[in-house]
Amino acid sequence: MEYLVVFLVLVVFLQTRITDLKRAVICLGSQSFIIAIACFVLGLSNSQGIHAILPGVLTLIVKVLFIPGAVYRLVGKLKNEREILSASNVNYSTMAAALFLVLGYVIVERLLPGSAGRDIIAASILMIMTGLSLMVLRKRAIIQIVGLITLENGIYLLGLLMTEGLPLVVELGVFLDVLIAVVVLVILTSRMRLSFMTTDTSVMKKLKG
């Protein structure tokens, strides 16, 4: 499990440096794939039967295949497949992610000293804060969708660890909520592309009365 956490942290840090939209979606799929493997590991170690593998299967279907595939097809229709950011902004995003990781370990040491899952909790906090920063600070709608899924992945991984496996109804509800939210966002982003010829959300300021 420690190796999965290391790969997960590396992927999250990579997300802060990517400006190419297609690579951002591929990176999101890789992150969700690691979460799926973590679901299998945590499920098999804490429960039995279908409940042990269902979270991982749902993660593979929804977050590794369907959502990245839908967003990737949308990116393929865009003329400009990069987000315009200065090198300093990218470096600040990476530095912020490093601070989030340190903050995660500080919180764990203060609230749960000696916890066996300290690395997973710290990685979850890193994902939650990084996803939130991507949603707030980035202008392209595609990157904001990536930030939303990153945030949700962090919350979901933290829930799996703290509860030793979420109830089946809760798992299905979470995946349904995320699926509906992403479908709506993809549709809105597509309409934005048709109306403004871009997915830069800053153009929405033109709609102010």
N, C-alpha and C. Protein backbone atom coordinates (compact mmCIF):
# COMPACT_ATOMS: atom_id res chain seq x y z
N MET A 1 0.82 -1.20 0.00
CA MET A 1 0.00 0.00 0.00
C MET A 1 0.86 1.26 0.00
N GLU A 2 2.05 1.18 0.62
CA GLU A 2 2.92 2.34 0.67
C GLU A 2 3.34 2.77 -0.73
N TYR A 3 3.59 1.79 -1.62
CA TYR A 3 3.98 2.12 -2.99
C TYR A 3 2.85 2.82 -3.73
N LEU A 4 1.61 2.41 -3.48
CA LEU A 4 0.47 3.06 -4.11
C LEU A 4 0.37 4.51 -3.67
N VAL A 5 0.62 4.77 -2.39
CA VAL A 5 0.57 6.14 -1.88
C VAL A 5 1.65 6.99 -2.55
N VAL A 6 2.84 6.42 -2.72
CA VAL A 6 3.93 7.16 -3.37
C VAL A 6 3.55 7.52 -4.81
N PHE A 7 3.04 6.54 -5.56
CA PHE A 7 2.62 6.80 -6.94
C PHE A 7 1.49 7.83 -6.99
N LEU A 8 0.58 7.73 -6.02
CA LEU A 8 -0.56 8.66 -5.99
C LEU A 8 -0.08 10.08 -5.75
N VAL A 9 0.85 10.26 -4.82
CA VAL A 9 1.39 11.59 -4.54
C VAL A 9 2.13 12.14 -5.76
N LEU A 10 2.89 11.28 -6.45
CA LEU A 10 3.61 11.72 -7.64
C LEU A 10 2.64 12.17 -8.73
N VAL A 11 1.55 11.44 -8.90
CA VAL A 11 0.55 11.81 -9.92
C VAL A 11 -0.09 13.14 -9.57
N VAL A 12 -0.41 13.35 -8.30
CA VAL A 12 -1.03 14.62 -7.89
C VAL A 12 -0.08 15.79 -8.12
N PHE A 13 1.20 15.61 -7.80
CA PHE A 13 2.17 16.67 -8.06
C PHE A 13 2.31 16.93 -9.56
N LEU A 14 2.25 15.86 -10.35
CA LEU A 14 2.31 16.02 -11.80
C LEU A 14 1.12 16.81 -12.32
N GLN A 15 -0.03 16.62 -11.71
CA GLN A 15 -1.23 17.36 -12.12
C GLN A 15 -1.05 18.86 -11.99
N THR A 16 -0.30 19.29 -10.99
CA THR A 16 -0.12 20.72 -10.77
C THR A 16 0.77 21.35 -11.83
N ARG A 17 1.50 20.55 -12.59
CA ARG A 17 2.45 21.08 -13.57
C ARG A 17 1.96 20.92 -15.01
N ILE A 18 0.89 20.18 -15.22
CA ILE A 18 0.40 19.92 -16.57
C ILE A 18 -0.51 21.06 -17.03
N THR A 19 -0.25 21.55 -18.22
CA THR A 19 -1.13 22.54 -18.84
C THR A 19 -1.81 21.98 -20.08
N ASP A 20 -1.28 20.91 -20.65
CA ASP A 20 -1.92 20.26 -21.79
C ASP A 20 -3.16 19.52 -21.33
N LEU A 21 -4.31 19.81 -21.95
CA LEU A 21 -5.58 19.27 -21.46
C LEU A 21 -5.66 17.76 -21.62
N LYS A 22 -5.18 17.22 -22.73
CA LYS A 22 -5.23 15.77 -22.93
C LYS A 22 -4.38 15.05 -21.90
N ARG A 23 -3.20 15.59 -21.63
CA ARG A 23 -2.34 14.97 -20.61
C ARG A 23 -2.96 15.06 -19.23
N ALA A 24 -3.67 16.16 -18.98
CA ALA A 24 -4.35 16.30 -17.69
C ALA A 24 -5.41 15.22 -17.51
N VAL A 25 -6.14 14.92 -18.58
CA VAL A 25 -7.17 13.87 -18.50
C VAL A 25 -6.53 12.50 -18.33
N ILE A 26 -5.44 12.24 -19.04
CA ILE A 26 -4.72 10.97 -18.89
C ILE A 26 -4.19 10.83 -17.47
N CYS A 27 -3.68 11.91 -16.92
CA CYS A 27 -3.17 11.90 -15.55
C CYS A 27 -4.30 11.61 -14.57
N LEU A 28 -5.49 12.17 -14.83
CA LEU A 28 -6.65 11.90 -13.99
C LEU A 28 -7.03 10.42 -14.04
N GLY A 29 -7.01 9.84 -15.24
CA GLY A 29 -7.30 8.41 -15.36
C GLY A 29 -6.30 7.56 -14.60
N SER A 30 -5.02 7.95 -14.65
CA SER A 30 -3.98 7.22 -13.91
C SER A 30 -4.22 7.31 -12.41
N GLN A 31 -4.59 8.51 -11.95
CA GLN A 31 -4.89 8.70 -10.53
C GLN A 31 -6.05 7.82 -10.10
N SER A 32 -7.11 7.79 -10.90
CA SER A 32 -8.28 6.98 -10.56
C SER A 32 -7.94 5.49 -10.60
N PHE A 33 -7.04 5.09 -11.49
CA PHE A 33 -6.62 3.69 -11.54
C PHE A 33 -5.90 3.29 -10.26
N ILE A 34 -5.06 4.19 -9.74
CA ILE A 34 -4.39 3.90 -8.46
C ILE A 34 -5.42 3.81 -7.34
N ILE A 35 -6.44 4.69 -7.36
CA ILE A 35 -7.50 4.63 -6.36
C ILE A 35 -8.24 3.30 -6.45
N ALA A 36 -8.47 2.82 -7.68
CA ALA A 36 -9.15 1.53 -7.86
C ALA A 36 -8.35 0.40 -7.24
N ILE A 37 -7.04 0.40 -7.47
CA ILE A 37 -6.18 -0.63 -6.87
C ILE A 37 -6.23 -0.54 -5.35
N ALA A 38 -6.21 0.70 -4.82
CA ALA A 38 -6.31 0.88 -3.37
C ALA A 38 -7.63 0.36 -2.85
N CYS A 39 -8.70 0.53 -3.63
CA CYS A 39 -10.01 0.00 -3.22
C CYS A 39 -9.96 -1.53 -3.10
N PHE A 40 -9.33 -2.18 -4.08
CA PHE A 40 -9.21 -3.63 -4.04
C PHE A 40 -8.39 -4.07 -2.82
N VAL A 41 -7.27 -3.38 -2.57
CA VAL A 41 -6.40 -3.76 -1.44
C VAL A 41 -7.13 -3.57 -0.11
N LEU A 42 -7.75 -2.40 0.08
CA LEU A 42 -8.46 -2.14 1.34
C LEU A 42 -9.69 -3.03 1.48
N GLY A 43 -10.39 -3.27 0.37
CA GLY A 43 -11.58 -4.11 0.43
C GLY A 43 -11.27 -5.55 0.78
N LEU A 44 -10.25 -6.11 0.15
CA LEU A 44 -9.90 -7.51 0.40
C LEU A 44 -9.31 -7.70 1.80
N SER A 45 -8.71 -6.65 2.35
CA SER A 45 -8.11 -6.78 3.68
C SER A 45 -9.12 -6.54 4.81
N ASN A 46 -10.27 -5.91 4.49
CA ASN A 46 -11.23 -5.56 5.54
C ASN A 46 -12.59 -6.23 5.41
N SER A 47 -12.91 -6.80 4.28
CA SER A 47 -14.24 -7.38 4.11
C SER A 47 -14.17 -8.58 3.18
N GLN A 48 -15.31 -9.22 2.98
CA GLN A 48 -15.38 -10.42 2.16
C GLN A 48 -16.53 -10.28 1.17
N GLY A 49 -16.53 -11.16 0.18
CA GLY A 49 -17.63 -11.19 -0.77
C GLY A 49 -17.56 -10.06 -1.77
N ILE A 50 -18.72 -9.74 -2.35
CA ILE A 50 -18.79 -8.75 -3.42
C ILE A 50 -18.42 -7.36 -2.92
N HIS A 51 -18.66 -7.09 -1.64
CA HIS A 51 -18.34 -5.78 -1.09
C HIS A 51 -16.84 -5.50 -1.13
N ALA A 52 -16.03 -6.55 -1.21
CA ALA A 52 -14.59 -6.37 -1.23
C ALA A 52 -14.09 -5.87 -2.58
N ILE A 53 -14.79 -6.21 -3.66
CA ILE A 53 -14.31 -5.85 -4.99
C ILE A 53 -15.19 -4.82 -5.70
N LEU A 54 -16.41 -4.59 -5.22
CA LEU A 54 -17.33 -3.69 -5.92
C LEU A 54 -16.80 -2.26 -6.01
N PRO A 55 -16.24 -1.67 -4.93
CA PRO A 55 -15.71 -0.30 -5.06
C PRO A 55 -14.65 -0.18 -6.13
N GLY A 56 -13.75 -1.16 -6.19
CA GLY A 56 -12.71 -1.12 -7.21
C GLY A 56 -13.28 -1.26 -8.61
N VAL A 57 -14.26 -2.14 -8.78
CA VAL A 57 -14.88 -2.34 -10.10
C VAL A 57 -15.60 -1.06 -10.54
N LEU A 58 -16.36 -0.45 -9.62
CA LEU A 58 -17.06 0.79 -9.94
C LEU A 58 -16.09 1.92 -10.28
N THR A 59 -14.99 1.98 -9.55
CA THR A 59 -13.98 3.01 -9.83
C THR A 59 -13.38 2.82 -11.21
N LEU A 60 -13.10 1.57 -11.58
CA LEU A 60 -12.55 1.29 -12.90
C LEU A 60 -13.52 1.69 -14.00
N ILE A 61 -14.79 1.35 -13.82
CA ILE A 61 -15.78 1.62 -14.86
C ILE A 61 -16.08 3.10 -14.98
N VAL A 62 -16.34 3.74 -13.84
CA VAL A 62 -16.80 5.13 -13.85
C VAL A 62 -15.65 6.13 -13.97
N LYS A 63 -14.62 5.98 -13.12
CA LYS A 63 -13.58 7.01 -13.03
C LYS A 63 -12.36 6.75 -13.88
N VAL A 64 -12.15 5.50 -14.28
CA VAL A 64 -10.99 5.20 -15.12
C VAL A 64 -11.36 5.16 -16.60
N LEU A 65 -12.56 4.65 -16.91
CA LEU A 65 -12.96 4.48 -18.30
C LEU A 65 -13.96 5.54 -18.77
N PHE A 66 -15.11 5.64 -18.09
CA PHE A 66 -16.19 6.48 -18.61
C PHE A 66 -15.88 7.97 -18.53
N ILE A 67 -15.58 8.48 -17.31
CA ILE A 67 -15.38 9.92 -17.14
C ILE A 67 -14.17 10.43 -17.92
N PRO A 68 -12.97 9.83 -17.78
CA PRO A 68 -11.84 10.31 -18.60
C PRO A 68 -12.10 10.18 -20.09
N GLY A 69 -12.80 9.11 -20.50
CA GLY A 69 -13.10 8.94 -21.92
C GLY A 69 -14.00 10.05 -22.45
N ALA A 70 -15.04 10.40 -21.68
CA ALA A 70 -15.96 11.46 -22.10
C ALA A 70 -15.24 12.81 -22.16
N VAL A 71 -14.43 13.10 -21.16
CA VAL A 71 -13.71 14.39 -21.13
C VAL A 71 -12.65 14.42 -22.23
N TYR A 72 -11.99 13.29 -22.48
CA TYR A 72 -10.95 13.24 -23.52
C TYR A 72 -11.54 13.49 -24.90
N ARG A 73 -12.72 12.93 -25.16
CA ARG A 73 -13.38 13.17 -26.44
C ARG A 73 -13.75 14.65 -26.59
N LEU A 74 -14.16 15.27 -25.49
CA LEU A 74 -14.48 16.69 -25.53
C LEU A 74 -13.24 17.51 -25.83
N VAL A 75 -12.12 17.17 -25.21
CA VAL A 75 -10.87 17.90 -25.45
C VAL A 75 -10.46 17.77 -26.91
N GLY A 76 -10.71 16.61 -27.52
CA GLY A 76 -10.37 16.41 -28.92
C GLY A 76 -11.10 17.34 -29.86
N LYS A 77 -12.20 17.92 -29.42
CA LYS A 77 -12.97 18.85 -30.25
C LYS A 77 -12.51 20.30 -30.09
N LEU A 78 -11.60 20.54 -29.17
CA LEU A 78 -11.14 21.90 -28.92
C LEU A 78 -9.99 22.25 -29.84
N LYS A 79 -9.92 23.50 -30.24
CA LYS A 79 -8.82 23.96 -31.08
C LYS A 79 -7.56 24.19 -30.24
N ASN A 80 -7.73 24.82 -29.09
CA ASN A 80 -6.61 25.08 -28.20
C ASN A 80 -6.64 24.07 -27.06
N GLU A 81 -5.70 23.15 -27.06
CA GLU A 81 -5.71 22.06 -26.10
C GLU A 81 -4.76 22.30 -24.93
N ARG A 82 -4.38 23.55 -24.71
CA ARG A 82 -3.49 23.88 -23.61
C ARG A 82 -4.10 25.02 -22.80
N GLU A 83 -3.71 25.06 -21.54
CA GLU A 83 -4.10 26.18 -20.69
C GLU A 83 -2.91 27.12 -20.58
N ILE A 84 -3.16 28.41 -20.81
CA ILE A 84 -2.08 29.39 -20.81
C ILE A 84 -1.77 29.78 -19.38
N LEU A 85 -0.62 29.32 -18.88
CA LEU A 85 -0.17 29.66 -17.53
C LEU A 85 1.31 30.00 -17.58
N SER A 86 1.73 30.96 -16.79
CA SER A 86 3.15 31.29 -16.71
C SER A 86 3.88 30.24 -15.89
N ALA A 87 5.19 30.18 -16.08
CA ALA A 87 6.00 29.20 -15.34
C ALA A 87 5.91 29.44 -13.84
N SER A 88 5.79 30.72 -13.44
CA SER A 88 5.71 31.02 -12.01
C SER A 88 4.41 30.48 -11.42
N ASN A 89 3.30 30.57 -12.16
CA ASN A 89 2.03 30.04 -11.66
C ASN A 89 2.10 28.53 -11.47
N VAL A 90 2.73 27.84 -12.42
CA VAL A 90 2.89 26.39 -12.30
C VAL A 90 3.74 26.05 -11.09
N ASN A 91 4.83 26.79 -10.89
CA ASN A 91 5.70 26.53 -9.74
C ASN A 91 4.98 26.79 -8.43
N TYR A 92 4.16 27.84 -8.40
CA TYR A 92 3.39 28.14 -7.19
C TYR A 92 2.39 27.02 -6.89
N SER A 93 1.80 26.46 -7.93
CA SER A 93 0.86 25.35 -7.73
C SER A 93 1.57 24.14 -7.14
N THR A 94 2.77 23.85 -7.63
CA THR A 94 3.53 22.72 -7.11
C THR A 94 3.96 22.97 -5.67
N MET A 95 4.39 24.20 -5.37
CA MET A 95 4.76 24.54 -3.99
C MET A 95 3.56 24.44 -3.07
N ALA A 96 2.39 24.85 -3.54
CA ALA A 96 1.18 24.74 -2.73
C ALA A 96 0.86 23.28 -2.44
N ALA A 97 1.04 22.41 -3.45
CA ALA A 97 0.80 20.98 -3.24
C ALA A 97 1.75 20.42 -2.18
N ALA A 98 3.01 20.86 -2.22
CA ALA A 98 3.97 20.41 -1.21
C ALA A 98 3.53 20.85 0.19
N LEU A 99 3.04 22.07 0.29
CA LEU A 99 2.54 22.57 1.58
C LEU A 99 1.32 21.78 2.03
N PHE A 100 0.46 21.41 1.09
CA PHE A 100 -0.72 20.62 1.43
C PHE A 100 -0.30 19.25 1.98
N LEU A 101 0.74 18.66 1.39
CA LEU A 101 1.21 17.36 1.87
C LEU A 101 1.77 17.47 3.29
N VAL A 102 2.56 18.51 3.53
CA VAL A 102 3.09 18.73 4.88
C VAL A 102 1.95 18.98 5.86
N LEU A 103 0.97 19.76 5.44
CA LEU A 103 -0.20 20.03 6.29
C LEU A 103 -0.94 18.74 6.62
N GLY A 104 -1.04 17.85 5.63
CA GLY A 104 -1.70 16.58 5.88
C GLY A 104 -1.01 15.77 6.96
N TYR A 105 0.31 15.71 6.90
CA TYR A 105 1.05 14.96 7.93
C TYR A 105 0.95 15.63 9.29
N VAL A 106 0.94 16.97 9.31
CA VAL A 106 0.81 17.67 10.59
C VAL A 106 -0.55 17.38 11.22
N ILE A 107 -1.60 17.40 10.40
CA ILE A 107 -2.94 17.12 10.92
C ILE A 107 -3.03 15.70 11.46
N VAL A 108 -2.45 14.75 10.73
CA VAL A 108 -2.48 13.36 11.17
C VAL A 108 -1.74 13.19 12.49
N GLU A 109 -0.57 13.81 12.60
CA GLU A 109 0.22 13.67 13.83
C GLU A 109 -0.47 14.32 15.02
N ARG A 110 -1.24 15.39 14.77
CA ARG A 110 -1.93 16.07 15.86
C ARG A 110 -3.19 15.32 16.29
N LEU A 111 -3.96 14.83 15.31
CA LEU A 111 -5.25 14.23 15.61
C LEU A 111 -5.18 12.71 15.78
N LEU A 112 -4.31 12.05 14.99
CA LEU A 112 -4.22 10.59 15.03
C LEU A 112 -2.76 10.15 15.14
N PRO A 113 -2.12 10.47 16.26
CA PRO A 113 -0.70 10.11 16.40
C PRO A 113 -0.51 8.59 16.38
N GLY A 114 0.47 8.16 15.61
CA GLY A 114 0.76 6.73 15.53
C GLY A 114 -0.21 5.95 14.70
N SER A 115 -1.05 6.60 13.92
CA SER A 115 -2.03 5.90 13.09
C SER A 115 -1.34 5.10 12.00
N ALA A 116 -1.84 3.88 11.76
CA ALA A 116 -1.25 3.00 10.76
C ALA A 116 -1.47 3.53 9.35
N GLY A 117 -2.53 4.28 9.14
CA GLY A 117 -2.84 4.79 7.81
C GLY A 117 -2.47 6.24 7.63
N ARG A 118 -1.43 6.71 8.32
CA ARG A 118 -1.07 8.13 8.27
C ARG A 118 -0.71 8.57 6.86
N ASP A 119 -0.01 7.73 6.10
CA ASP A 119 0.38 8.11 4.75
C ASP A 119 -0.84 8.25 3.83
N ILE A 120 -1.80 7.34 3.99
CA ILE A 120 -3.01 7.41 3.16
C ILE A 120 -3.83 8.65 3.51
N ILE A 121 -3.93 8.96 4.79
CA ILE A 121 -4.69 10.14 5.22
C ILE A 121 -4.03 11.42 4.69
N ALA A 122 -2.70 11.48 4.80
CA ALA A 122 -1.98 12.66 4.30
C ALA A 122 -2.15 12.79 2.79
N ALA A 123 -2.10 11.67 2.06
CA ALA A 123 -2.29 11.71 0.61
C ALA A 123 -3.72 12.13 0.27
N SER A 124 -4.68 11.70 1.07
CA SER A 124 -6.08 12.09 0.83
C SER A 124 -6.26 13.59 1.01
N ILE A 125 -5.65 14.13 2.07
CA ILE A 125 -5.74 15.58 2.30
C ILE A 125 -5.07 16.33 1.16
N LEU A 126 -3.93 15.82 0.69
CA LEU A 126 -3.25 16.42 -0.45
C LEU A 126 -4.17 16.46 -1.67
N MET A 127 -4.86 15.36 -1.96
CA MET A 127 -5.75 15.30 -3.11
C MET A 127 -6.92 16.26 -2.96
N ILE A 128 -7.49 16.31 -1.77
CA ILE A 128 -8.63 17.20 -1.53
C ILE A 128 -8.24 18.66 -1.73
N MET A 129 -7.13 19.06 -1.15
CA MET A 129 -6.72 20.46 -1.24
C MET A 129 -6.24 20.82 -2.65
N THR A 130 -5.52 19.89 -3.29
CA THR A 130 -5.05 20.15 -4.65
C THR A 130 -6.22 20.22 -5.62
N GLY A 131 -7.18 19.31 -5.47
CA GLY A 131 -8.37 19.35 -6.32
C GLY A 131 -9.13 20.65 -6.16
N LEU A 132 -9.25 21.12 -4.90
CA LEU A 132 -9.95 22.38 -4.64
C LEU A 132 -9.20 23.55 -5.27
N SER A 133 -7.88 23.54 -5.19
CA SER A 133 -7.09 24.63 -5.77
C SER A 133 -7.20 24.63 -7.29
N LEU A 134 -7.25 23.45 -7.91
CA LEU A 134 -7.42 23.38 -9.37
C LEU A 134 -8.77 23.95 -9.79
N MET A 135 -9.80 23.68 -8.99
CA MET A 135 -11.13 24.19 -9.32
C MET A 135 -11.21 25.71 -9.17
N VAL A 136 -10.49 26.25 -8.19
CA VAL A 136 -10.60 27.68 -7.90
C VAL A 136 -9.65 28.53 -8.75
N LEU A 137 -8.43 28.03 -8.95
CA LEU A 137 -7.40 28.86 -9.55
C LEU A 137 -7.27 28.70 -11.07
N ARG A 138 -7.64 27.56 -11.61
CA ARG A 138 -7.52 27.35 -13.05
C ARG A 138 -8.76 27.88 -13.77
N LYS A 139 -8.56 28.31 -15.02
CA LYS A 139 -9.64 28.94 -15.77
C LYS A 139 -10.31 28.00 -16.76
N ARG A 140 -9.61 26.99 -17.25
CA ARG A 140 -10.20 26.11 -18.23
C ARG A 140 -11.14 25.13 -17.54
N ALA A 141 -12.33 24.96 -18.12
CA ALA A 141 -13.35 24.10 -17.51
C ALA A 141 -12.88 22.66 -17.41
N ILE A 142 -12.06 22.22 -18.37
CA ILE A 142 -11.56 20.84 -18.35
C ILE A 142 -10.71 20.60 -17.11
N ILE A 143 -9.82 21.54 -16.81
CA ILE A 143 -8.96 21.41 -15.63
C ILE A 143 -9.81 21.46 -14.36
N GLN A 144 -10.85 22.25 -14.37
CA GLN A 144 -11.73 22.32 -13.20
C GLN A 144 -12.47 21.00 -12.98
N ILE A 145 -12.85 20.32 -14.06
CA ILE A 145 -13.45 18.99 -13.92
C ILE A 145 -12.43 18.01 -13.34
N VAL A 146 -11.19 18.10 -13.82
CA VAL A 146 -10.11 17.26 -13.27
C VAL A 146 -9.95 17.53 -11.78
N GLY A 147 -10.01 18.81 -11.39
CA GLY A 147 -9.90 19.15 -9.97
C GLY A 147 -11.05 18.58 -9.16
N LEU A 148 -12.26 18.61 -9.72
CA LEU A 148 -13.43 18.06 -9.02
C LEU A 148 -13.26 16.57 -8.75
N ILE A 149 -12.84 15.82 -9.76
CA ILE A 149 -12.66 14.37 -9.58
C ILE A 149 -11.51 14.09 -8.63
N THR A 150 -10.45 14.89 -8.69
CA THR A 150 -9.33 14.71 -7.76
C THR A 150 -9.79 14.93 -6.31
N LEU A 151 -10.56 15.98 -6.10
CA LEU A 151 -11.11 16.24 -4.76
C LEU A 151 -11.98 15.08 -4.29
N GLU A 152 -12.85 14.60 -5.19
CA GLU A 152 -13.75 13.51 -4.81
C GLU A 152 -12.97 12.23 -4.55
N ASN A 153 -11.92 11.98 -5.33
CA ASN A 153 -11.09 10.79 -5.10
C ASN A 153 -10.45 10.84 -3.72
N GLY A 154 -9.99 12.03 -3.31
CA GLY A 154 -9.40 12.16 -1.99
C GLY A 154 -10.39 11.90 -0.88
N ILE A 155 -11.60 12.44 -1.02
CA ILE A 155 -12.64 12.21 -0.02
C ILE A 155 -13.02 10.73 0.02
N TYR A 156 -13.14 10.12 -1.16
CA TYR A 156 -13.54 8.71 -1.22
C TYR A 156 -12.48 7.81 -0.60
N LEU A 157 -11.19 8.06 -0.90
CA LEU A 157 -10.12 7.25 -0.32
C LEU A 157 -10.07 7.41 1.19
N LEU A 158 -10.26 8.64 1.66
CA LEU A 158 -10.27 8.87 3.11
C LEU A 158 -11.44 8.15 3.77
N GLY A 159 -12.61 8.17 3.12
CA GLY A 159 -13.77 7.45 3.66
C GLY A 159 -13.56 5.96 3.72
N LEU A 160 -12.92 5.41 2.69
CA LEU A 160 -12.65 3.97 2.68
C LEU A 160 -11.73 3.58 3.83
N LEU A 161 -10.73 4.41 4.08
CA LEU A 161 -9.77 4.09 5.15
C LEU A 161 -10.40 4.24 6.53
N MET A 162 -11.12 5.34 6.76
CA MET A 162 -11.64 5.62 8.09
C MET A 162 -12.77 4.67 8.47
N THR A 163 -13.56 4.21 7.50
CA THR A 163 -14.69 3.33 7.80
C THR A 163 -14.41 1.87 7.50
N GLU A 164 -13.18 1.59 7.00
CA GLU A 164 -12.81 0.22 6.62
C GLU A 164 -13.81 -0.36 5.62
N GLY A 165 -14.17 0.46 4.64
CA GLY A 165 -15.13 0.02 3.63
C GLY A 165 -16.48 0.67 3.83
N LEU A 166 -16.88 1.53 2.87
CA LEU A 166 -18.17 2.21 2.99
C LEU A 166 -19.31 1.23 2.77
N PRO A 167 -20.50 1.48 3.36
CA PRO A 167 -21.67 0.65 3.06
C PRO A 167 -21.98 0.67 1.57
N LEU A 168 -22.54 -0.43 1.08
CA LEU A 168 -22.78 -0.59 -0.35
C LEU A 168 -23.67 0.53 -0.90
N VAL A 169 -24.73 0.88 -0.15
CA VAL A 169 -25.65 1.93 -0.61
C VAL A 169 -24.92 3.27 -0.72
N VAL A 170 -24.05 3.55 0.22
CA VAL A 170 -23.29 4.80 0.19
C VAL A 170 -22.36 4.83 -1.02
N GLU A 171 -21.70 3.71 -1.29
CA GLU A 171 -20.79 3.64 -2.43
C GLU A 171 -21.53 3.90 -3.74
N LEU A 172 -22.68 3.24 -3.90
CA LEU A 172 -23.46 3.43 -5.12
C LEU A 172 -23.95 4.87 -5.24
N GLY A 173 -24.37 5.46 -4.12
CA GLY A 173 -24.83 6.84 -4.14
C GLY A 173 -23.72 7.81 -4.51
N VAL A 174 -22.52 7.59 -3.98
CA VAL A 174 -21.38 8.46 -4.28
C VAL A 174 -21.06 8.41 -5.77
N PHE A 175 -20.98 7.21 -6.32
CA PHE A 175 -20.64 7.08 -7.74
C PHE A 175 -21.73 7.67 -8.63
N LEU A 176 -22.98 7.53 -8.23
CA LEU A 176 -24.07 8.09 -9.03
C LEU A 176 -24.02 9.61 -9.00
N ASP A 177 -23.76 10.20 -7.83
CA ASP A 177 -23.67 11.65 -7.72
C ASP A 177 -22.53 12.20 -8.58
N VAL A 178 -21.38 11.55 -8.49
CA VAL A 178 -20.22 12.00 -9.27
C VAL A 178 -20.48 11.86 -10.76
N LEU A 179 -21.08 10.74 -11.15
CA LEU A 179 -21.37 10.50 -12.56
C LEU A 179 -22.30 11.56 -13.12
N ILE A 180 -23.36 11.86 -12.39
CA ILE A 180 -24.33 12.87 -12.85
C ILE A 180 -23.67 14.25 -12.92
N ALA A 181 -22.87 14.59 -11.90
CA ALA A 181 -22.21 15.89 -11.88
C ALA A 181 -21.26 16.06 -13.07
N VAL A 182 -20.48 15.02 -13.37
CA VAL A 182 -19.53 15.11 -14.47
C VAL A 182 -20.26 15.17 -15.81
N VAL A 183 -21.31 14.39 -15.97
CA VAL A 183 -22.08 14.43 -17.22
C VAL A 183 -22.63 15.83 -17.46
N VAL A 184 -23.18 16.44 -16.40
CA VAL A 184 -23.71 17.80 -16.52
C VAL A 184 -22.59 18.79 -16.88
N LEU A 185 -21.43 18.65 -16.23
CA LEU A 185 -20.31 19.55 -16.50
C LEU A 185 -19.79 19.38 -17.93
N VAL A 186 -19.73 18.15 -18.40
CA VAL A 186 -19.28 17.91 -19.78
C VAL A 186 -20.24 18.55 -20.77
N ILE A 187 -21.55 18.43 -20.51
CA ILE A 187 -22.55 19.04 -21.40
C ILE A 187 -22.41 20.56 -21.38
N LEU A 188 -22.27 21.14 -20.18
CA LEU A 188 -22.13 22.60 -20.08
C LEU A 188 -20.84 23.08 -20.75
N THR A 189 -19.76 22.32 -20.58
CA THR A 189 -18.50 22.69 -21.22
C THR A 189 -18.62 22.62 -22.73
N SER A 190 -19.31 21.61 -23.22
CA SER A 190 -19.53 21.50 -24.66
C SER A 190 -20.34 22.68 -25.19
N ARG A 191 -21.36 23.07 -24.45
CA ARG A 191 -22.17 24.22 -24.87
C ARG A 191 -21.34 25.51 -24.81
N MET A 192 -20.46 25.61 -23.82
CA MET A 192 -19.58 26.78 -23.73
C MET A 192 -18.65 26.85 -24.93
N ARG A 193 -18.15 25.68 -25.35
CA ARG A 193 -17.27 25.64 -26.52
C ARG A 193 -18.00 26.11 -27.77
N LEU A 194 -19.25 25.70 -27.92
CA LEU A 194 -20.03 26.09 -29.10
C LEU A 194 -20.40 27.57 -29.07
N SER A 195 -20.67 28.10 -27.87
CA SER A 195 -21.13 29.48 -27.75
C SER A 195 -19.98 30.49 -27.78
N PHE A 196 -18.86 30.15 -27.09
CA PHE A 196 -17.76 31.10 -26.96
C PHE A 196 -16.50 30.67 -27.70
N MET A 197 -16.52 29.48 -28.30
CA MET A 197 -15.35 28.92 -29.01
C MET A 197 -14.15 28.73 -28.09
N THR A 198 -14.41 28.55 -26.80
CA THR A 198 -13.37 28.30 -25.83
C THR A 198 -14.00 27.68 -24.59
N THR A 199 -13.16 27.06 -23.75
CA THR A 199 -13.64 26.54 -22.47
C THR A 199 -13.05 27.33 -21.31
N ASP A 200 -12.54 28.52 -21.60
CA ASP A 200 -12.02 29.40 -20.56
C ASP A 200 -13.21 30.00 -19.81
N THR A 201 -13.34 29.68 -18.54
CA THR A 201 -14.51 30.13 -17.77
C THR A 201 -14.51 31.62 -17.51
N SER A 202 -13.39 32.30 -17.75
CA SER A 202 -13.36 33.75 -17.54
C SER A 202 -14.27 34.48 -18.52
N VAL A 203 -14.60 33.83 -19.65
CA VAL A 203 -15.49 34.48 -20.63
C VAL A 203 -16.92 34.57 -20.08
N MET A 204 -17.21 33.80 -19.03
CA MET A 204 -18.55 33.86 -18.46
C MET A 204 -18.84 35.21 -17.83
N LYS A 205 -17.81 36.03 -17.60
CA LYS A 205 -18.02 37.36 -17.06
C LYS A 205 -18.82 38.22 -18.02
N LYS A 206 -18.80 37.85 -19.31
CA LYS A 206 -19.54 38.62 -20.30
C LYS A 206 -21.05 38.51 -20.09
N LEU A 207 -21.46 37.47 -19.34
CA LEU A 207 -22.89 37.26 -19.13
C LEU A 207 -23.44 38.12 -18.00
N LYS A 208 -22.57 38.84 -17.29
CA LYS A 208 -23.04 39.68 -16.20
C LYS A 208 -23.88 40.82 -16.75
N GLY A 209 -25.00 41.10 -16.04
CA GLY A 209 -25.87 42.17 -16.49
C GLY A 209 -25.35 43.54 -16.12
